[in-house]
Amino acid sequence: MANRWVGVTVDCVDVERVAAFWSRLLDRPAGPSRPGWVYLGLPGDPQPRLVFQPVAEPPTGKLRLHLDVAVDDVDEGIAQVVALGGRFTGERHDYDAGVVVVMADPEGHEFCLVRYAV
């Protein structure tokens, strides 16, 4: 039997708020979910599902895993994240291979917007 990656689970105090942010950012609708949880995507989708599970405590410290979101325009991507309730951390890296900016969702989970050089 082959193992396969099917999803990423994010701990959230406000599941609905954080899931709505990611749903709009990635244009992925919520699928069937457990009560109190939100799943973006459906089982069997070509992309892994994002799962938002409720927890009582807010995040503390830097997470050791984050998502990379490819964008066509970094400035437009930053503006979209901010308009959806996220924030730009101020961290930007310009590499020969492209640009990476560090963002945070409404609960502070960091992720990167990436624009690859062609």
N, C-alpha and C. Protein backbone atom coordinates (compact mmCIF):
# COMPACT_ATOMS: atom_id res chain seq x y z
N MET A 1 0.84 -1.18 0.00
CA MET A 1 0.00 0.00 0.00
C MET A 1 0.88 1.24 0.00
N ALA A 2 0.57 2.19 -0.87
CA ALA A 2 1.36 3.42 -0.96
C ALA A 2 0.78 4.49 -0.04
N ASN A 3 1.65 5.17 0.66
CA ASN A 3 1.22 6.29 1.48
C ASN A 3 1.01 7.50 0.59
N ARG A 4 0.07 8.35 0.97
CA ARG A 4 -0.13 9.59 0.22
C ARG A 4 -0.56 10.69 1.17
N TRP A 5 -0.20 11.90 0.82
CA TRP A 5 -0.51 13.07 1.61
C TRP A 5 -1.92 13.51 1.27
N VAL A 6 -2.78 13.67 2.28
CA VAL A 6 -4.19 14.00 2.02
C VAL A 6 -4.62 15.33 2.63
N GLY A 7 -3.83 15.91 3.55
CA GLY A 7 -4.27 17.17 4.12
C GLY A 7 -3.29 17.76 5.10
N VAL A 8 -3.59 18.99 5.49
CA VAL A 8 -2.85 19.72 6.51
C VAL A 8 -3.89 20.21 7.52
N THR A 9 -3.63 20.00 8.80
CA THR A 9 -4.56 20.42 9.85
C THR A 9 -3.97 21.62 10.58
N VAL A 10 -4.80 22.64 10.77
CA VAL A 10 -4.40 23.88 11.43
C VAL A 10 -5.21 24.03 12.71
N ASP A 11 -4.54 24.21 13.84
CA ASP A 11 -5.22 24.47 15.11
C ASP A 11 -5.67 25.93 15.13
N CYS A 12 -6.93 26.18 15.54
CA CYS A 12 -7.48 27.53 15.54
C CYS A 12 -8.35 27.77 16.76
N VAL A 13 -8.29 28.96 17.28
CA VAL A 13 -9.23 29.37 18.31
C VAL A 13 -10.56 29.73 17.65
N ASP A 14 -10.51 30.52 16.55
CA ASP A 14 -11.71 30.91 15.81
C ASP A 14 -11.69 30.19 14.45
N VAL A 15 -12.17 28.97 14.45
CA VAL A 15 -12.12 28.11 13.26
C VAL A 15 -12.80 28.76 12.06
N GLU A 16 -13.99 29.31 12.26
CA GLU A 16 -14.74 29.90 11.14
C GLU A 16 -13.98 31.06 10.51
N ARG A 17 -13.40 31.92 11.33
CA ARG A 17 -12.68 33.09 10.81
C ARG A 17 -11.44 32.67 10.02
N VAL A 18 -10.66 31.78 10.58
CA VAL A 18 -9.42 31.36 9.91
C VAL A 18 -9.74 30.57 8.64
N ALA A 19 -10.71 29.67 8.71
CA ALA A 19 -11.10 28.89 7.53
C ALA A 19 -11.64 29.79 6.42
N ALA A 20 -12.43 30.81 6.79
CA ALA A 20 -12.96 31.73 5.78
C ALA A 20 -11.83 32.50 5.09
N PHE A 21 -10.82 32.91 5.86
CA PHE A 21 -9.65 33.59 5.29
C PHE A 21 -9.00 32.70 4.22
N TRP A 22 -8.68 31.45 4.58
CA TRP A 22 -8.01 30.54 3.66
C TRP A 22 -8.90 30.15 2.50
N SER A 23 -10.19 30.01 2.73
CA SER A 23 -11.12 29.68 1.66
C SER A 23 -11.12 30.76 0.59
N ARG A 24 -11.16 32.02 1.01
CA ARG A 24 -11.15 33.13 0.06
C ARG A 24 -9.78 33.29 -0.60
N LEU A 25 -8.71 33.15 0.17
CA LEU A 25 -7.37 33.31 -0.39
C LEU A 25 -7.08 32.27 -1.47
N LEU A 26 -7.47 31.02 -1.21
CA LEU A 26 -7.15 29.92 -2.13
C LEU A 26 -8.31 29.55 -3.05
N ASP A 27 -9.44 30.22 -2.90
CA ASP A 27 -10.64 29.92 -3.69
C ASP A 27 -11.00 28.44 -3.60
N ARG A 28 -11.03 27.96 -2.35
CA ARG A 28 -11.39 26.56 -2.08
C ARG A 28 -12.59 26.56 -1.14
N PRO A 29 -13.72 26.04 -1.59
CA PRO A 29 -14.91 26.01 -0.74
C PRO A 29 -14.81 24.96 0.36
N ALA A 30 -15.59 25.19 1.39
CA ALA A 30 -15.66 24.21 2.47
C ALA A 30 -16.43 22.99 2.00
N GLY A 31 -15.97 21.83 2.40
CA GLY A 31 -16.65 20.57 2.12
C GLY A 31 -17.30 20.05 3.38
N PRO A 32 -17.82 18.84 3.34
CA PRO A 32 -18.41 18.26 4.55
C PRO A 32 -17.39 18.25 5.68
N SER A 33 -17.81 18.67 6.86
CA SER A 33 -16.91 18.81 7.99
C SER A 33 -17.54 18.26 9.27
N ARG A 34 -16.70 17.90 10.22
CA ARG A 34 -17.16 17.51 11.55
C ARG A 34 -17.72 18.75 12.25
N PRO A 35 -18.64 18.61 13.19
CA PRO A 35 -19.15 19.77 13.92
C PRO A 35 -18.01 20.53 14.61
N GLY A 36 -17.98 21.85 14.39
CA GLY A 36 -16.96 22.70 14.99
C GLY A 36 -15.67 22.79 14.19
N TRP A 37 -15.51 21.95 13.20
CA TRP A 37 -14.33 21.93 12.34
C TRP A 37 -14.73 22.47 10.97
N VAL A 38 -13.74 22.85 10.15
CA VAL A 38 -14.00 23.21 8.75
C VAL A 38 -12.95 22.52 7.89
N TYR A 39 -13.42 21.84 6.85
CA TYR A 39 -12.55 21.19 5.87
C TYR A 39 -12.68 21.95 4.55
N LEU A 40 -11.58 22.40 3.99
CA LEU A 40 -11.59 23.02 2.67
C LEU A 40 -11.21 21.95 1.66
N GLY A 41 -12.09 21.70 0.72
CA GLY A 41 -11.89 20.66 -0.27
C GLY A 41 -12.65 19.41 0.10
N LEU A 42 -12.60 18.46 -0.80
CA LEU A 42 -13.32 17.20 -0.64
C LEU A 42 -12.35 16.03 -0.64
N PRO A 43 -12.72 14.93 0.01
CA PRO A 43 -11.87 13.73 -0.09
C PRO A 43 -11.70 13.37 -1.57
N GLY A 44 -10.49 13.03 -1.94
CA GLY A 44 -10.23 12.66 -3.33
C GLY A 44 -9.87 13.82 -4.23
N ASP A 45 -9.90 15.06 -3.72
CA ASP A 45 -9.47 16.21 -4.53
C ASP A 45 -8.01 16.02 -4.93
N PRO A 46 -7.61 16.59 -6.07
CA PRO A 46 -6.19 16.47 -6.46
C PRO A 46 -5.25 17.20 -5.50
N GLN A 47 -5.74 18.24 -4.83
CA GLN A 47 -4.93 18.94 -3.83
C GLN A 47 -5.31 18.43 -2.45
N PRO A 48 -4.36 18.36 -1.53
CA PRO A 48 -4.70 17.98 -0.15
C PRO A 48 -5.70 18.97 0.46
N ARG A 49 -6.55 18.46 1.34
CA ARG A 49 -7.51 19.33 2.01
C ARG A 49 -6.81 20.12 3.12
N LEU A 50 -7.35 21.29 3.41
CA LEU A 50 -6.94 22.05 4.59
C LEU A 50 -8.02 21.83 5.63
N VAL A 51 -7.61 21.44 6.82
CA VAL A 51 -8.53 21.12 7.90
C VAL A 51 -8.27 22.09 9.05
N PHE A 52 -9.32 22.72 9.55
CA PHE A 52 -9.20 23.67 10.66
C PHE A 52 -9.91 23.07 11.86
N GLN A 53 -9.14 22.81 12.91
CA GLN A 53 -9.69 22.17 14.10
C GLN A 53 -9.67 23.14 15.28
N PRO A 54 -10.70 23.09 16.13
CA PRO A 54 -10.76 24.02 17.25
C PRO A 54 -9.82 23.61 18.38
N VAL A 55 -9.17 24.62 18.95
CA VAL A 55 -8.34 24.44 20.15
C VAL A 55 -8.62 25.63 21.06
N ALA A 56 -8.36 25.47 22.33
CA ALA A 56 -8.65 26.53 23.30
C ALA A 56 -7.57 27.60 23.37
N GLU A 57 -6.32 27.22 23.08
CA GLU A 57 -5.21 28.16 23.28
C GLU A 57 -4.75 28.75 21.94
N PRO A 58 -4.41 30.06 21.93
CA PRO A 58 -3.90 30.67 20.71
C PRO A 58 -2.49 30.17 20.41
N PRO A 59 -2.02 30.33 19.16
CA PRO A 59 -0.67 29.88 18.84
C PRO A 59 0.37 30.67 19.61
N THR A 60 1.45 29.98 19.99
CA THR A 60 2.58 30.64 20.65
C THR A 60 3.85 30.19 19.95
N GLY A 61 4.74 31.12 19.73
CA GLY A 61 6.00 30.78 19.10
C GLY A 61 5.86 30.56 17.60
N LYS A 62 6.98 30.40 16.96
CA LYS A 62 7.02 30.19 15.51
C LYS A 62 6.73 28.73 15.19
N LEU A 63 5.82 28.52 14.24
CA LEU A 63 5.53 27.17 13.78
C LEU A 63 6.70 26.68 12.92
N ARG A 64 6.95 25.40 12.94
CA ARG A 64 8.07 24.84 12.19
C ARG A 64 7.65 24.35 10.82
N LEU A 65 6.39 24.56 10.46
CA LEU A 65 5.86 24.15 9.16
C LEU A 65 4.96 25.27 8.67
N HIS A 66 5.03 25.60 7.38
CA HIS A 66 4.13 26.61 6.85
C HIS A 66 3.81 26.29 5.39
N LEU A 67 2.77 26.93 4.89
CA LEU A 67 2.37 26.75 3.50
C LEU A 67 3.02 27.81 2.64
N ASP A 68 3.32 27.48 1.39
CA ASP A 68 3.77 28.43 0.38
C ASP A 68 2.63 28.59 -0.62
N VAL A 69 2.27 29.83 -0.92
CA VAL A 69 1.19 30.13 -1.84
C VAL A 69 1.79 30.90 -3.02
N ALA A 70 1.72 30.32 -4.22
CA ALA A 70 2.26 30.96 -5.41
C ALA A 70 1.32 32.07 -5.88
N VAL A 71 1.89 33.22 -6.22
CA VAL A 71 1.13 34.36 -6.72
C VAL A 71 1.76 34.86 -8.01
N ASP A 72 0.94 35.51 -8.84
CA ASP A 72 1.46 36.11 -10.07
C ASP A 72 2.12 37.45 -9.81
N ASP A 73 1.63 38.17 -8.79
CA ASP A 73 2.15 39.49 -8.45
C ASP A 73 2.25 39.59 -6.92
N VAL A 74 3.45 39.80 -6.41
CA VAL A 74 3.68 39.82 -4.97
C VAL A 74 2.91 40.96 -4.30
N ASP A 75 2.96 42.16 -4.87
CA ASP A 75 2.28 43.30 -4.24
C ASP A 75 0.77 43.09 -4.20
N GLU A 76 0.20 42.55 -5.28
CA GLU A 76 -1.24 42.25 -5.28
C GLU A 76 -1.56 41.15 -4.26
N GLY A 77 -0.67 40.17 -4.14
CA GLY A 77 -0.87 39.10 -3.15
C GLY A 77 -0.86 39.64 -1.73
N ILE A 78 0.08 40.53 -1.44
CA ILE A 78 0.13 41.14 -0.11
C ILE A 78 -1.16 41.92 0.16
N ALA A 79 -1.60 42.71 -0.81
CA ALA A 79 -2.82 43.49 -0.65
C ALA A 79 -4.03 42.59 -0.41
N GLN A 80 -4.10 41.47 -1.13
CA GLN A 80 -5.22 40.54 -0.96
C GLN A 80 -5.22 39.95 0.45
N VAL A 81 -4.06 39.51 0.92
CA VAL A 81 -3.98 38.93 2.26
C VAL A 81 -4.42 39.94 3.32
N VAL A 82 -3.95 41.17 3.20
CA VAL A 82 -4.31 42.21 4.17
C VAL A 82 -5.81 42.51 4.10
N ALA A 83 -6.38 42.58 2.90
CA ALA A 83 -7.81 42.85 2.74
C ALA A 83 -8.66 41.72 3.35
N LEU A 84 -8.12 40.50 3.36
CA LEU A 84 -8.85 39.36 3.92
C LEU A 84 -8.68 39.23 5.43
N GLY A 85 -7.87 40.09 6.03
CA GLY A 85 -7.69 40.06 7.48
C GLY A 85 -6.37 39.51 7.96
N GLY A 86 -5.47 39.18 7.01
CA GLY A 86 -4.13 38.73 7.37
C GLY A 86 -3.20 39.92 7.47
N ARG A 87 -1.90 39.64 7.59
CA ARG A 87 -0.93 40.74 7.68
C ARG A 87 0.40 40.36 7.04
N PHE A 88 1.11 41.39 6.61
CA PHE A 88 2.46 41.25 6.08
C PHE A 88 3.41 41.40 7.27
N THR A 89 4.31 40.46 7.46
CA THR A 89 5.23 40.50 8.60
C THR A 89 6.37 41.49 8.38
N GLY A 90 6.54 41.96 7.15
CA GLY A 90 7.66 42.85 6.83
C GLY A 90 8.87 42.09 6.32
N GLU A 91 8.81 40.77 6.33
CA GLU A 91 9.94 39.96 5.88
C GLU A 91 9.79 39.63 4.40
N ARG A 92 10.81 40.00 3.63
CA ARG A 92 10.81 39.76 2.18
C ARG A 92 12.21 39.28 1.78
N HIS A 93 12.24 38.30 0.90
CA HIS A 93 13.50 37.77 0.40
C HIS A 93 13.47 37.78 -1.12
N ASP A 94 14.46 38.41 -1.73
CA ASP A 94 14.59 38.43 -3.18
C ASP A 94 15.75 37.52 -3.56
N TYR A 95 15.43 36.47 -4.29
CA TYR A 95 16.42 35.48 -4.72
C TYR A 95 16.49 35.48 -6.25
N ASP A 96 17.54 34.86 -6.80
CA ASP A 96 17.60 34.69 -8.25
C ASP A 96 16.40 33.89 -8.75
N ALA A 97 15.94 32.94 -7.94
CA ALA A 97 14.83 32.07 -8.34
C ALA A 97 13.46 32.72 -8.15
N GLY A 98 13.40 33.88 -7.48
CA GLY A 98 12.12 34.54 -7.28
C GLY A 98 12.05 35.30 -5.98
N VAL A 99 10.83 35.65 -5.59
CA VAL A 99 10.58 36.46 -4.40
C VAL A 99 9.74 35.67 -3.41
N VAL A 100 10.06 35.81 -2.13
CA VAL A 100 9.29 35.19 -1.05
C VAL A 100 8.98 36.27 -0.02
N VAL A 101 7.70 36.39 0.35
CA VAL A 101 7.32 37.31 1.42
C VAL A 101 6.59 36.50 2.48
N VAL A 102 6.86 36.82 3.75
CA VAL A 102 6.25 36.11 4.86
C VAL A 102 5.00 36.86 5.31
N MET A 103 3.89 36.14 5.34
CA MET A 103 2.60 36.69 5.71
C MET A 103 2.07 35.94 6.93
N ALA A 104 0.96 36.41 7.50
CA ALA A 104 0.32 35.72 8.61
C ALA A 104 -1.19 35.79 8.43
N ASP A 105 -1.87 34.70 8.77
CA ASP A 105 -3.34 34.68 8.69
C ASP A 105 -3.93 35.40 9.90
N PRO A 106 -5.25 35.48 10.04
CA PRO A 106 -5.84 36.25 11.14
C PRO A 106 -5.44 35.80 12.55
N GLU A 107 -5.01 34.56 12.74
CA GLU A 107 -4.56 34.11 14.06
C GLU A 107 -3.04 34.08 14.19
N GLY A 108 -2.33 34.57 13.17
CA GLY A 108 -0.88 34.66 13.26
C GLY A 108 -0.12 33.47 12.69
N HIS A 109 -0.82 32.50 12.07
CA HIS A 109 -0.11 31.39 11.43
C HIS A 109 0.63 31.95 10.22
N GLU A 110 1.95 31.81 10.22
CA GLU A 110 2.74 32.35 9.12
C GLU A 110 2.69 31.44 7.90
N PHE A 111 2.77 32.08 6.73
CA PHE A 111 2.87 31.39 5.44
C PHE A 111 3.61 32.31 4.49
N CYS A 112 4.02 31.78 3.35
CA CYS A 112 4.76 32.58 2.39
C CYS A 112 3.99 32.75 1.10
N LEU A 113 4.06 33.96 0.55
CA LEU A 113 3.65 34.20 -0.82
C LEU A 113 4.91 34.10 -1.64
N VAL A 114 4.88 33.34 -2.72
CA VAL A 114 6.07 33.15 -3.54
C VAL A 114 5.76 33.52 -4.99
N ARG A 115 6.71 34.15 -5.61
CA ARG A 115 6.64 34.49 -7.04
C ARG A 115 7.92 33.98 -7.64
N TYR A 116 7.82 32.92 -8.42
CA TYR A 116 9.00 32.32 -9.03
C TYR A 116 9.42 33.07 -10.28
N ALA A 117 10.73 33.26 -10.46
CA ALA A 117 11.25 33.86 -11.67
C ALA A 117 11.06 32.87 -12.81
N VAL A 118 10.80 33.38 -13.96
CA VAL A 118 10.56 32.49 -15.11
C VAL A 118 11.82 32.24 -15.88
